[in-house]
Each structure stands twice: as C-alpha cells, then as structure tokens.
C-alpha cells in the first residue's frame, strides 16, 4: 500500500483531474493505493466515474440485473465487504455473483458516497482474489469516497457537453441513453417507463450485452 502522504496527494489532486482520461488515471492510482484492481462511483444508479473497463462492467452488471452489493440497503458496516464471492454472494445475488466471476472478480467492497448521514451514491472497488480489507484500507477507502462525494456534490453539468459517454462537467454520464430508450420503448409498446426499463435489462441479460448497447440499438432505429 502507498503511504498516507501519497494518498493525501492523490486526494488533493482530484481538482486537477479535468479530462476524462485524467480522472480515470486518478481513480486507478487511488485503487492501487487501496490495493484494489479498480474502483467505480455511481450516483443514484448512474455510473459517473470509473478507473478501468472491468470496474465499469461490474457496475453495469449491477444496474442491468438490479442486484449486487452496491444496491444493498444495509450499510451498518462501512465498507460493505463481500470478501469472497464464491462463499457469500451466490444465495443473495446469484446472477450478479456469476457475472462478476466471469469478469474475474472475487471480492467486492462498497463505500457510501454521502452528505452527512444521507447516502446518495456508492464507491465500489474489486479484487481478483478473495480476502477482506485491512483496517487501514477500509479507512483510506472512506477517505477517497468522502473526497469524491464532495466533488460530485459540487458538480454542475456543462451545458456544452454531449450526452452519453462524454465529458459532462466534472463527471461522465453513461446511462442517459438507457432512460431515453426506455421512453421510446414505453411509447412504442404502450407500457409504463419502469416496465420498459425492466424489459431493456432483461433483453441485455438474455443477450449477454451491456444494457447501454441495447439502448443504443433502439435509439439508432429512430428516424433522423
């Protein structure tokens, strides 16, 4: 683990991570400092920050399936630790556990993004080997989560930014297309938007594709 001074420098440097690639490098260095292989942040189910493709896929899996430790309501212990997916997750999140193992993930850790006592998002880290965090890692992960939460609370969308996988102020917005596609499907089938979103997720799971890809397919069918 990197020493406390290095992590403090990383946290102080968050404000300078303006571009998407800089933010990913910052996130990966934080993951390395915590001896994790990747981290991702979600804000009200919207993936806004991630260090690598696996961390993004792990969050997309939770979003698609509607299950996983990042969606768990009980944060009596911080972080929420699933130290061994093979032993702890099959009964509670069987589909998520299977998909996470396919990604090479064996342990998942979740810290709340919070403002005071109010939780408004999650920071999720993963490892390819089982095992709990040390007390220092758990504490340092909370430091990262709290600094990131402050940055997200101060975020104002850039009106010049494009929707989708592009820059949007201080974060990236990844799932706008999913909700747009759910609206299209809702109108097309005459069903509620919530039901349309469930159908999108089911189609993504059945096709073994990210739900964002299914949404892109639907939106591409729209007339110009």
Protein backbone atom coordinates (compact mmCIF):
# COMPACT_ATOMS: atom_id res chain seq x y z
CA UNK A 1 0.00 0.00 0.00
CA UNK A 2 1.20 3.51 -0.77
CA UNK A 3 1.86 5.59 2.35
CA UNK A 4 -0.67 8.04 3.76
CA UNK A 5 1.18 11.02 2.31
CA UNK A 6 0.89 9.68 -1.23
CA UNK A 7 -2.84 9.07 -0.83
CA UNK A 8 -3.28 12.58 0.56
CA UNK A 9 -1.52 13.97 -2.51
CA UNK A 10 -3.85 11.94 -4.74
CA UNK A 11 -6.92 13.28 -2.96
CA UNK A 12 -5.59 16.83 -3.16
CA UNK A 13 -5.02 16.31 -6.89
CA UNK A 14 -8.62 15.41 -7.69
CA UNK A 15 -9.47 19.02 -8.53
CA UNK A 16 -6.84 18.98 -11.29
CA UNK A 17 -8.31 15.86 -12.94
CA UNK A 18 -10.33 17.78 -15.50
CA UNK A 19 -10.34 15.48 -18.54
CA UNK A 20 -11.93 12.04 -18.63
CA UNK A 21 -8.62 10.23 -19.10
CA UNK A 22 -7.07 12.17 -16.21
CA UNK A 23 -10.00 11.20 -13.99
CA UNK A 24 -9.54 7.54 -14.88
CA UNK A 25 -5.82 7.69 -14.13
CA UNK A 26 -6.61 9.38 -10.81
CA UNK A 27 -9.16 6.68 -9.97
CA UNK A 28 -6.74 3.89 -10.90
CA UNK A 29 -3.99 5.37 -8.72
CA UNK A 30 -6.46 5.50 -5.82
CA UNK A 31 -7.39 1.87 -6.49
CA UNK A 32 -3.70 0.95 -6.49
CA UNK A 33 -3.20 2.79 -3.18
CA UNK A 34 -6.03 0.73 -1.69
CA UNK A 35 -4.59 -2.49 -3.18
CA UNK A 36 -7.67 -2.88 -5.33
CA UNK A 37 -7.67 -3.51 -9.07
CA UNK A 38 -10.33 -0.95 -9.89
CA UNK A 39 -12.95 1.40 -8.47
CA UNK A 40 -16.16 2.94 -9.81
CA UNK A 41 -18.59 5.53 -8.49
CA UNK A 42 -22.33 5.58 -9.09
CA UNK A 43 -24.61 8.49 -8.31
CA UNK A 44 -28.27 7.49 -7.90
CA UNK A 45 -27.70 4.42 -10.12
CA UNK A 46 -25.87 6.49 -12.75
CA UNK A 47 -22.28 5.41 -13.39
CA UNK A 48 -20.25 8.61 -13.28
CA UNK A 49 -16.64 7.64 -12.62
CA UNK A 50 -14.53 4.51 -13.15
CA UNK A 51 -10.89 3.51 -13.32
CA UNK A 52 -10.98 0.73 -15.92
CA UNK A 53 -13.30 -1.34 -18.11
CA UNK A 54 -13.81 -4.09 -15.53
CA UNK A 55 -14.94 -1.66 -12.84
CA UNK A 56 -17.41 -0.13 -15.33
CA UNK A 57 -18.67 -3.56 -16.40
CA UNK A 58 -19.15 -4.56 -12.77
CA UNK A 59 -21.34 -1.50 -12.15
CA UNK A 60 -23.23 -2.10 -15.40
CA UNK A 61 -23.88 -5.68 -14.25
CA UNK A 62 -25.49 -4.45 -11.03
CA UNK A 63 -27.56 -1.91 -12.99
CA UNK A 64 -28.68 -4.48 -15.57
CA UNK A 65 -29.58 -7.19 -13.05
CA UNK A 66 -30.89 -4.92 -10.30
CA UNK A 67 -28.84 -6.86 -7.76
CA UNK A 68 -25.42 -6.70 -6.15
CA UNK A 69 -23.64 -5.37 -3.08
CA UNK A 70 -23.71 -1.79 -4.35
CA UNK A 71 -27.53 -1.93 -4.21
CA UNK A 72 -27.65 -3.40 -0.71
CA UNK A 73 -29.69 -1.21 1.67
CA UNK A 74 -27.80 -2.19 4.81
CA UNK A 75 -24.70 -0.08 5.38
CA UNK A 76 -24.42 -0.78 9.09
CA UNK A 77 -20.75 -1.54 8.46
CA UNK A 78 -18.58 0.67 6.28
CA UNK A 79 -17.31 -0.52 3.94
CA UNK A 80 -19.77 -3.19 2.89
CA UNK A 81 -17.44 -6.13 2.27
CA UNK A 82 -18.03 -9.21 0.14
CA UNK A 83 -14.62 -10.70 0.75
CA UNK A 84 -15.30 -13.94 -1.14
CA UNK A 85 -17.97 -14.01 -3.85
CA UNK A 86 -17.77 -17.79 -4.03
CA UNK A 87 -18.93 -18.15 -0.43
CA UNK A 88 -21.03 -15.10 0.34
CA UNK A 89 -22.92 -13.99 -2.74
CA UNK A 90 -24.41 -17.00 -4.52
CA UNK A 91 -27.52 -17.13 -2.33
CA UNK A 92 -28.15 -13.39 -2.07
CA UNK A 93 -27.07 -12.26 -5.57
CA UNK A 94 -26.73 -15.43 -7.66
CA UNK A 95 -26.79 -13.79 -11.10
CA UNK A 96 -24.50 -10.96 -10.06
CA UNK A 97 -22.04 -13.39 -8.47
CA UNK A 98 -21.91 -15.48 -11.65
CA UNK A 99 -21.37 -12.45 -13.87
CA UNK A 100 -18.74 -10.98 -11.53
CA UNK A 101 -16.79 -14.24 -11.60
CA UNK A 102 -16.89 -14.14 -15.39
CA UNK A 103 -15.17 -10.77 -15.15
CA UNK A 104 -12.51 -12.27 -12.90
CA UNK A 105 -13.83 -10.54 -9.78
CA UNK A 106 -13.58 -12.47 -6.49
CA UNK A 107 -14.11 -9.75 -3.86
CA UNK A 108 -16.17 -6.55 -3.84
CA UNK A 109 -16.10 -3.63 -1.40
CA UNK A 110 -18.58 -0.75 -1.26
CA UNK A 111 -18.28 2.61 0.48
CA UNK A 112 -21.17 5.09 0.64
CA UNK A 113 -20.98 8.44 -1.10
CA UNK A 114 -22.68 10.62 1.44
CA UNK A 115 -23.54 14.11 2.58
CA UNK A 116 -23.71 13.94 6.35
CA UNK A 117 -25.89 10.92 7.14
CA UNK A 118 -27.55 10.93 3.70
CA UNK A 119 -26.23 8.38 1.21
CA UNK A 120 -26.56 9.43 -2.44
CA UNK A 121 -24.24 7.03 -4.22
CA UNK A 122 -21.59 4.38 -3.87
CA UNK A 123 -17.89 3.82 -4.45
CA UNK A 124 -17.25 0.20 -5.40
CA UNK A 125 -13.86 -1.49 -5.53
CA UNK A 126 -12.94 -5.00 -6.58
CA UNK A 127 -10.17 -7.57 -6.41
CA UNK A 128 -9.44 -10.68 -8.45
CA UNK A 129 -8.56 -12.57 -5.28
CA UNK A 130 -10.71 -13.21 -2.18
CA UNK A 131 -9.94 -11.68 1.18
CA UNK A 132 -11.09 -8.80 3.41
CA UNK A 133 -9.64 -5.32 3.57
CA UNK A 134 -7.24 -4.32 6.28
CA UNK A 135 -8.42 -1.68 8.73
CA UNK A 136 -6.16 0.86 7.01
CA UNK A 137 -7.55 0.03 3.56
CA UNK A 138 -11.12 0.32 4.83
CA UNK A 139 -10.37 3.72 6.37
CA UNK A 140 -8.48 5.02 3.32
CA UNK A 141 -11.29 3.89 1.03
CA UNK A 142 -13.69 6.01 3.06
CA UNK A 143 -11.36 8.99 2.65
CA UNK A 144 -11.44 8.50 -1.12
CA UNK A 145 -15.25 8.16 -1.06
CA UNK A 146 -15.70 11.33 1.03
CA UNK A 147 -13.44 13.43 -1.21
CA UNK A 148 -15.16 12.12 -4.32
CA UNK A 149 -18.58 12.77 -2.78
CA UNK A 150 -17.61 16.40 -2.20
CA UNK A 151 -16.55 16.72 -5.82
CA UNK A 152 -19.80 15.21 -7.09
CA UNK A 153 -21.92 17.42 -4.85
CA UNK A 154 -20.17 20.45 -6.32
CA UNK A 155 -20.69 19.23 -9.90
CA UNK A 156 -22.75 21.34 -12.28
CA UNK A 157 -23.41 19.85 -15.73
CA UNK A 158 -21.63 21.59 -18.58
CA UNK A 159 -24.32 22.83 -20.93
CA UNK A 160 -21.90 22.40 -23.81
CA UNK A 161 -21.24 18.73 -23.06
CA UNK A 162 -22.73 15.98 -25.11
CA UNK A 163 -24.94 13.30 -23.61
CA UNK A 164 -23.70 9.74 -23.35
CA UNK A 165 -20.13 8.58 -22.87
CA UNK A 166 -18.58 12.01 -22.94
CA UNK A 167 -17.47 14.78 -20.67
CA UNK A 168 -20.16 16.44 -18.59
CA UNK A 169 -18.65 18.93 -16.21
CA UNK A 170 -16.70 17.02 -13.57
CA UNK A 171 -18.04 13.55 -14.38
CA UNK A 172 -19.08 11.34 -17.25
CA UNK A 173 -22.71 10.42 -17.87
CA UNK A 174 -23.17 6.89 -19.18
CA UNK A 175 -26.78 5.85 -18.92
CA UNK A 176 -28.79 8.76 -20.28
CA UNK A 177 -29.36 6.70 -23.43
CA UNK A 178 -30.83 3.87 -21.35
CA UNK A 179 -33.57 6.11 -19.99
CA UNK A 180 -34.12 7.66 -23.42
CA UNK A 181 -34.51 4.18 -24.91
CA UNK A 182 -36.88 3.18 -22.11
CA UNK A 183 -39.02 6.19 -23.03
CA UNK A 184 -39.02 5.15 -26.70
CA UNK A 185 -39.94 1.58 -25.77
CA UNK A 186 -42.65 2.81 -23.41
CA UNK A 187 -44.28 4.82 -26.22
CA UNK A 188 -43.84 2.06 -28.78
CA UNK A 189 -45.36 -0.70 -26.63
CA UNK A 190 -47.82 1.39 -24.64
CA UNK A 191 -46.31 0.39 -21.30
CA UNK A 192 -45.01 2.29 -18.27
CA UNK A 193 -41.42 3.55 -18.39
CA UNK A 194 -40.49 1.40 -15.38
CA UNK A 195 -41.71 -1.71 -17.20
CA UNK A 196 -39.84 -0.66 -20.33
CA UNK A 197 -36.65 -0.35 -18.28
CA UNK A 198 -37.17 -3.85 -16.86
CA UNK A 199 -37.56 -5.18 -20.40
CA UNK A 200 -34.37 -3.46 -21.51
CA UNK A 201 -32.49 -5.04 -18.63
CA UNK A 202 -33.95 -8.46 -19.35
CA UNK A 203 -33.02 -8.20 -23.03
CA UNK A 204 -29.48 -7.17 -22.13
CA UNK A 205 -29.09 -10.10 -19.74
CA UNK A 206 -30.51 -12.59 -22.24
CA UNK A 207 -28.22 -11.30 -24.99
CA UNK A 208 -25.18 -11.11 -22.66
CA UNK A 209 -24.65 -7.49 -23.69
CA UNK A 210 -24.41 -4.23 -21.70
CA UNK A 211 -27.77 -2.56 -21.31
CA UNK A 212 -26.26 0.60 -22.81
CA UNK A 213 -25.61 -1.31 -26.06
CA UNK A 214 -29.25 -2.42 -26.23
CA UNK A 215 -30.31 1.19 -25.67
CA UNK A 216 -28.02 2.39 -28.47
CA UNK A 217 -29.62 -0.14 -30.85
CA UNK A 218 -33.10 1.20 -30.07
CA UNK A 219 -32.07 4.83 -30.44
CA UNK A 220 -30.29 4.15 -33.75
CA UNK A 221 -33.62 2.89 -35.15
CA UNK A 222 -35.22 6.30 -34.65
CA UNK A 223 -35.66 8.43 -37.77
CA UNK A 224 -33.24 11.37 -38.08
